[in-house]
């Protein structure tokens, strides 16, 4: 066999191997995937699911305990005790969302928190709110636009709680304040 024939045979063999490899790769890539894919890190610890109609969700943390009104389900609870924010909790009912954040009190008090400052300075979007069940040291602000919503800043020693209730348009301000009152009546700082 001549050099030319050997070279031609080698090229033909290399071409057949490459094409076979591409066909196998295509076949492998088009197969359905088995198993499950997980991305990111979980934001919440596993929580019990509560009956939305009858049972109140109970919240127990290193910072407070409380019972949420019937119909609320805890959707997310993230503990970050080593950061400035210690706890973030979100709970939903059919037309309401309750959010509770517990954080370290800055040296200058609430005035040094961005969320509080936003509400104090932006008087077009927020106004002070007087609530019957507002704890003595707490301050509340109501949103002036959009669906009913308000937030309460509640200082307690070296920490504070930011408790926000919002509606999706299906809840009234009276329903939001009733949910807040039920939660605060069972609240115990730890």
C-alpha atoms as a PDB file:
ATOM      1  CA  UNK A   1       0.000   0.000   0.000  1.00  0.00           C
ATOM      2  CA  UNK A   2       1.315   3.393  -0.887  1.00  0.00           C
ATOM      3  CA  UNK A   3       1.618   6.369   1.374  1.00  0.00           C
ATOM      4  CA  UNK A   4      -1.263   8.024  -0.388  1.00  0.00           C
ATOM      5  CA  UNK A   5      -3.568   5.045   0.133  1.00  0.00           C
ATOM      6  CA  UNK A   6      -2.590   4.781   3.808  1.00  0.00           C
ATOM      7  CA  UNK A   7      -3.331   8.488   4.305  1.00  0.00           C
ATOM      8  CA  UNK A   8      -6.720   8.163   2.588  1.00  0.00           C
ATOM      9  CA  UNK A   9      -7.626   5.123   4.739  1.00  0.00           C
ATOM     10  CA  UNK A  10      -6.599   6.992   7.911  1.00  0.00           C
ATOM     11  CA  UNK A  11      -8.710  10.039   6.951  1.00  0.00           C
ATOM     12  CA  UNK A  12     -11.699   7.831   6.140  1.00  0.00           C
ATOM     13  CA  UNK A  13     -11.351   6.000   9.484  1.00  0.00           C
ATOM     14  CA  UNK A  14     -11.011   9.306  11.404  1.00  0.00           C
ATOM     15  CA  UNK A  15     -14.121  10.667   9.648  1.00  0.00           C
ATOM     16  CA  UNK A  16     -16.142   7.558  10.528  1.00  0.00           C
ATOM     17  CA  UNK A  17     -15.030   7.791  14.203  1.00  0.00           C
ATOM     18  CA  UNK A  18     -15.920  11.510  14.454  1.00  0.00           C
ATOM     19  CA  UNK A  19     -19.347  10.990  12.827  1.00  0.00           C
ATOM     20  CA  UNK A  20     -20.073   7.996  15.083  1.00  0.00           C
ATOM     21  CA  UNK A  21     -19.045  10.060  18.139  1.00  0.00           C
ATOM     22  CA  UNK A  22     -21.298  12.960  17.097  1.00  0.00           C
ATOM     23  CA  UNK A  23     -24.246  10.609  16.562  1.00  0.00           C
ATOM     24  CA  UNK A  24     -23.723   9.051  20.011  1.00  0.00           C
ATOM     25  CA  UNK A  25     -23.457  12.489  21.605  1.00  0.00           C
ATOM     26  CA  UNK A  26     -26.663  13.643  19.879  1.00  0.00           C
ATOM     27  CA  UNK A  27     -28.476  10.470  21.001  1.00  0.00           C
ATOM     28  CA  UNK A  28     -27.281  10.916  24.590  1.00  0.00           C
ATOM     29  CA  UNK A  29     -28.232  14.629  24.683  1.00  0.00           C
ATOM     30  CA  UNK A  30     -31.750  14.002  23.352  1.00  0.00           C
ATOM     31  CA  UNK A  31     -32.653  11.424  26.017  1.00  0.00           C
ATOM     32  CA  UNK A  32     -35.004  12.514  28.800  1.00  0.00           C
ATOM     33  CA  UNK A  33     -33.276  13.477  32.028  1.00  0.00           C
ATOM     34  CA  UNK A  34     -33.629  11.266  35.081  1.00  0.00           C
ATOM     35  CA  UNK A  35     -33.509  12.494  38.679  1.00  0.00           C
ATOM     36  CA  UNK A  36     -33.948  15.977  40.040  1.00  0.00           C
ATOM     37  CA  UNK A  37     -31.983  19.181  39.773  1.00  0.00           C
ATOM     38  CA  UNK A  38     -31.448  21.436  42.766  1.00  0.00           C
ATOM     39  CA  UNK A  39     -30.103  24.937  42.470  1.00  0.00           C
ATOM     40  CA  UNK A  40     -29.342  27.547  45.099  1.00  0.00           C
ATOM     41  CA  UNK A  41     -29.710  27.171  48.835  1.00  0.00           C
ATOM     42  CA  UNK A  42     -32.987  26.737  50.692  1.00  0.00           C
ATOM     43  CA  UNK A  43     -34.323  29.948  52.252  1.00  0.00           C
ATOM     44  CA  UNK A  44     -36.506  28.254  54.812  1.00  0.00           C
ATOM     45  CA  UNK A  45     -36.401  25.467  57.215  1.00  0.00           C
ATOM     46  CA  UNK A  46     -39.130  22.841  56.757  1.00  0.00           C
ATOM     47  CA  UNK A  47     -42.303  24.100  58.387  1.00  0.00           C
ATOM     48  CA  UNK A  48     -45.548  22.370  59.230  1.00  0.00           C
ATOM     49  CA  UNK A  49     -48.497  23.101  56.973  1.00  0.00           C
ATOM     50  CA  UNK A  50     -51.520  24.376  58.843  1.00  0.00           C
ATOM     51  CA  UNK A  51     -55.179  24.059  58.013  1.00  0.00           C
ATOM     52  CA  UNK A  52     -55.992  27.426  56.427  1.00  0.00           C
ATOM     53  CA  UNK A  53     -59.573  27.449  57.656  1.00  0.00           C
ATOM     54  CA  UNK A  54     -59.306  26.697  61.354  1.00  0.00           C
ATOM     55  CA  UNK A  55     -55.832  26.588  62.844  1.00  0.00           C
ATOM     56  CA  UNK A  56     -53.584  29.523  63.670  1.00  0.00           C
ATOM     57  CA  UNK A  57     -49.911  29.230  62.764  1.00  0.00           C
ATOM     58  CA  UNK A  58     -47.658  29.390  65.787  1.00  0.00           C
ATOM     59  CA  UNK A  59     -44.335  31.225  65.466  1.00  0.00           C
ATOM     60  CA  UNK A  60     -41.502  30.318  67.816  1.00  0.00           C
ATOM     61  CA  UNK A  61     -38.086  31.935  67.449  1.00  0.00           C
ATOM     62  CA  UNK A  62     -35.169  33.021  69.594  1.00  0.00           C
ATOM     63  CA  UNK A  63     -36.586  36.573  69.527  1.00  0.00           C
ATOM     64  CA  UNK A  64     -40.359  36.252  70.005  1.00  0.00           C
ATOM     65  CA  UNK A  65     -43.296  33.878  70.006  1.00  0.00           C
ATOM     66  CA  UNK A  66     -46.715  34.673  68.548  1.00  0.00           C
ATOM     67  CA  UNK A  67     -49.766  33.089  66.984  1.00  0.00           C
ATOM     68  CA  UNK A  68     -50.841  34.273  63.564  1.00  0.00           C
ATOM     69  CA  UNK A  69     -54.560  34.535  62.824  1.00  0.00           C
ATOM     70  CA  UNK A  70     -56.394  31.536  61.358  1.00  0.00           C
ATOM     71  CA  UNK A  71     -55.930  31.367  57.611  1.00  0.00           C
ATOM     72  CA  UNK A  72     -52.263  32.404  57.593  1.00  0.00           C
ATOM     73  CA  UNK A  73     -49.634  29.924  56.452  1.00  0.00           C
ATOM     74  CA  UNK A  74     -45.946  30.536  57.030  1.00  0.00           C
ATOM     75  CA  UNK A  75     -44.285  30.555  53.610  1.00  0.00           C
ATOM     76  CA  UNK A  76     -40.718  31.433  54.574  1.00  0.00           C
ATOM     77  CA  UNK A  77     -38.772  31.721  57.805  1.00  0.00           C
ATOM     78  CA  UNK A  78     -35.079  32.513  57.594  1.00  0.00           C
ATOM     79  CA  UNK A  79     -32.880  32.787  60.663  1.00  0.00           C
ATOM     80  CA  UNK A  80     -29.615  34.713  60.320  1.00  0.00           C
ATOM     81  CA  UNK A  81     -28.485  35.309  63.927  1.00  0.00           C
ATOM     82  CA  UNK A  82     -24.973  36.416  62.924  1.00  0.00           C
ATOM     83  CA  UNK A  83     -26.128  39.327  60.737  1.00  0.00           C
ATOM     84  CA  UNK A  84     -27.795  42.656  61.457  1.00  0.00           C
ATOM     85  CA  UNK A  85     -31.113  41.021  60.456  1.00  0.00           C
ATOM     86  CA  UNK A  86     -31.815  38.124  62.825  1.00  0.00           C
ATOM     87  CA  UNK A  87     -35.070  36.758  61.441  1.00  0.00           C
ATOM     88  CA  UNK A  88     -37.223  37.178  58.331  1.00  0.00           C
ATOM     89  CA  UNK A  89     -40.665  35.619  58.213  1.00  0.00           C
ATOM     90  CA  UNK A  90     -43.386  35.776  55.559  1.00  0.00           C
ATOM     91  CA  UNK A  91     -46.903  34.406  55.968  1.00  0.00           C
ATOM     92  CA  UNK A  92     -49.878  34.575  53.616  1.00  0.00           C
ATOM     93  CA  UNK A  93     -53.624  34.221  53.881  1.00  0.00           C
ATOM     94  CA  UNK A  94     -56.043  34.351  50.994  1.00  0.00           C
ATOM     95  CA  UNK A  95     -55.747  38.133  50.458  1.00  0.00           C
ATOM     96  CA  UNK A  96     -53.123  39.269  52.973  1.00  0.00           C
ATOM     97  CA  UNK A  97     -49.387  38.995  53.455  1.00  0.00           C
ATOM     98  CA  UNK A  98     -47.695  39.405  56.812  1.00  0.00           C
ATOM     99  CA  UNK A  99     -43.967  40.047  56.964  1.00  0.00           C
ATOM    100  CA  UNK A 100     -41.937  40.150  60.181  1.00  0.00           C
ATOM    101  CA  UNK A 101     -38.290  41.167  60.342  1.00  0.00           C
ATOM    102  CA  UNK A 102     -36.328  41.231  63.591  1.00  0.00           C
ATOM    103  CA  UNK A 103     -33.036  43.114  63.432  1.00  0.00           C
ATOM    104  CA  UNK A 104     -30.359  44.691  65.601  1.00  0.00           C
ATOM    105  CA  UNK A 105     -31.200  48.219  66.700  1.00  0.00           C
ATOM    106  CA  UNK A 106     -28.660  50.658  65.227  1.00  0.00           C
ATOM    107  CA  UNK A 107     -26.806  52.879  67.747  1.00  0.00           C
ATOM    108  CA  UNK A 108     -28.923  55.884  66.739  1.00  0.00           C
ATOM    109  CA  UNK A 109     -32.229  54.014  67.030  1.00  0.00           C
ATOM    110  CA  UNK A 110     -34.893  53.603  64.339  1.00  0.00           C
ATOM    111  CA  UNK A 111     -33.848  56.859  62.703  1.00  0.00           C
ATOM    112  CA  UNK A 112     -30.770  55.026  61.375  1.00  0.00           C
ATOM    113  CA  UNK A 113     -32.782  52.342  59.547  1.00  0.00           C
ATOM    114  CA  UNK A 114     -33.532  52.869  55.874  1.00  0.00           C
ATOM    115  CA  UNK A 115     -37.063  51.474  55.988  1.00  0.00           C
ATOM    116  CA  UNK A 116     -38.101  53.771  58.840  1.00  0.00           C
ATOM    117  CA  UNK A 117     -36.411  56.812  57.259  1.00  0.00           C
ATOM    118  CA  UNK A 118     -38.169  56.187  53.949  1.00  0.00           C
ATOM    119  CA  UNK A 119     -41.545  56.398  55.667  1.00  0.00           C
ATOM    120  CA  UNK A 120     -40.669  59.442  57.764  1.00  0.00           C
ATOM    121  CA  UNK A 121     -39.293  61.441  54.829  1.00  0.00           C
ATOM    122  CA  UNK A 122     -41.630  60.395  51.989  1.00  0.00           C
ATOM    123  CA  UNK A 123     -44.829  61.950  53.302  1.00  0.00           C
ATOM    124  CA  UNK A 124     -46.553  61.651  49.923  1.00  0.00           C
ATOM    125  CA  UNK A 125     -46.396  57.862  49.901  1.00  0.00           C
ATOM    126  CA  UNK A 126     -46.676  57.239  53.680  1.00  0.00           C
ATOM    127  CA  UNK A 127     -48.454  58.784  56.636  1.00  0.00           C
ATOM    128  CA  UNK A 128     -48.414  57.988  60.356  1.00  0.00           C
ATOM    129  CA  UNK A 129     -51.086  55.498  61.401  1.00  0.00           C
ATOM    130  CA  UNK A 130     -52.780  55.303  64.797  1.00  0.00           C
ATOM    131  CA  UNK A 131     -53.708  51.717  65.635  1.00  0.00           C
ATOM    132  CA  UNK A 132     -55.759  50.754  68.697  1.00  0.00           C
ATOM    133  CA  UNK A 133     -53.543  47.739  69.438  1.00  0.00           C
ATOM    134  CA  UNK A 134     -50.218  49.456  68.758  1.00  0.00           C
ATOM    135  CA  UNK A 135     -47.664  48.617  71.475  1.00  0.00           C
ATOM    136  CA  UNK A 136     -46.596  51.654  73.502  1.00  0.00           C
ATOM    137  CA  UNK A 137     -43.104  52.051  72.005  1.00  0.00           C
ATOM    138  CA  UNK A 138     -44.141  51.194  68.434  1.00  0.00           C
ATOM    139  CA  UNK A 139     -44.680  53.520  65.465  1.00  0.00           C
ATOM    140  CA  UNK A 140     -46.878  52.710  62.439  1.00  0.00           C
ATOM    141  CA  UNK A 141     -47.067  54.085  58.896  1.00  0.00           C
ATOM    142  CA  UNK A 142     -49.764  53.539  56.277  1.00  0.00           C
ATOM    143  CA  UNK A 143     -49.221  53.516  52.510  1.00  0.00           C
ATOM    144  CA  UNK A 144     -51.245  56.291  50.862  1.00  0.00           C
ATOM    145  CA  UNK A 145     -51.347  54.697  47.397  1.00  0.00           C
ATOM    146  CA  UNK A 146     -52.205  51.255  46.059  1.00  0.00           C
ATOM    147  CA  UNK A 147     -53.799  48.390  47.971  1.00  0.00           C
ATOM    148  CA  UNK A 148     -54.102  48.725  51.747  1.00  0.00           C
ATOM    149  CA  UNK A 149     -50.771  48.321  53.513  1.00  0.00           C
ATOM    150  CA  UNK A 150     -49.026  49.409  56.687  1.00  0.00           C
ATOM    151  CA  UNK A 151     -45.838  48.748  58.624  1.00  0.00           C
ATOM    152  CA  UNK A 152     -45.118  48.866  62.350  1.00  0.00           C
ATOM    153  CA  UNK A 153     -41.659  49.506  63.825  1.00  0.00           C
ATOM    154  CA  UNK A 154     -41.493  48.069  67.329  1.00  0.00           C
ATOM    155  CA  UNK A 155     -38.275  48.710  69.324  1.00  0.00           C
ATOM    156  CA  UNK A 156     -37.367  46.252  72.075  1.00  0.00           C
ATOM    157  CA  UNK A 157     -34.022  46.729  73.818  1.00  0.00           C
ATOM    158  CA  UNK A 158     -31.137  46.033  71.431  1.00  0.00           C
ATOM    159  CA  UNK A 159     -33.482  44.870  68.629  1.00  0.00           C
ATOM    160  CA  UNK A 160     -36.605  45.925  66.838  1.00  0.00           C
ATOM    161  CA  UNK A 161     -39.347  44.216  64.863  1.00  0.00           C
ATOM    162  CA  UNK A 162     -40.657  45.502  61.560  1.00  0.00           C
ATOM    163  CA  UNK A 163     -44.149  44.073  61.049  1.00  0.00           C
ATOM    164  CA  UNK A 164     -45.764  44.756  57.678  1.00  0.00           C
ATOM    165  CA  UNK A 165     -49.219  43.795  56.461  1.00  0.00           C
ATOM    166  CA  UNK A 166     -50.301  44.213  52.865  1.00  0.00           C
ATOM    167  CA  UNK A 167     -53.434  43.322  50.969  1.00  0.00           C
ATOM    168  CA  UNK A 168     -53.795  42.301  47.350  1.00  0.00           C
ATOM    169  CA  UNK A 169     -56.861  44.451  46.794  1.00  0.00           C
ATOM    170  CA  UNK A 170     -59.168  41.753  48.189  1.00  0.00           C
ATOM    171  CA  UNK A 171     -58.500  42.753  51.819  1.00  0.00           C
ATOM    172  CA  UNK A 172     -59.597  45.962  53.511  1.00  0.00           C
ATOM    173  CA  UNK A 173     -57.540  48.045  55.922  1.00  0.00           C
ATOM    174  CA  UNK A 174     -59.869  46.904  58.731  1.00  0.00           C
ATOM    175  CA  UNK A 175     -59.019  43.253  57.934  1.00  0.00           C
ATOM    176  CA  UNK A 176     -55.297  44.046  57.958  1.00  0.00           C
ATOM    177  CA  UNK A 177     -55.497  45.851  61.307  1.00  0.00           C
ATOM    178  CA  UNK A 178     -57.542  42.962  62.771  1.00  0.00           C
ATOM    179  CA  UNK A 179     -54.812  40.502  61.690  1.00  0.00           C
ATOM    180  CA  UNK A 180     -52.171  42.749  63.261  1.00  0.00           C
ATOM    181  CA  UNK A 181     -54.153  43.005  66.514  1.00  0.00           C
ATOM    182  CA  UNK A 182     -54.547  39.211  66.768  1.00  0.00           C
ATOM    183  CA  UNK A 183     -50.813  38.720  66.188  1.00  0.00           C
ATOM    184  CA  UNK A 184     -49.679  41.405  68.649  1.00  0.00           C
ATOM    185  CA  UNK A 185     -52.047  40.185  71.378  1.00  0.00           C
ATOM    186  CA  UNK A 186     -50.180  36.852  71.432  1.00  0.00           C
ATOM    187  CA  UNK A 187     -46.690  38.314  70.906  1.00  0.00           C
ATOM    188  CA  UNK A 188     -44.108  37.615  73.607  1.00  0.00           C
ATOM    189  CA  UNK A 189     -40.587  38.995  73.249  1.00  0.00           C
ATOM    190  CA  UNK A 190     -37.913  36.471  74.258  1.00  0.00           C
END
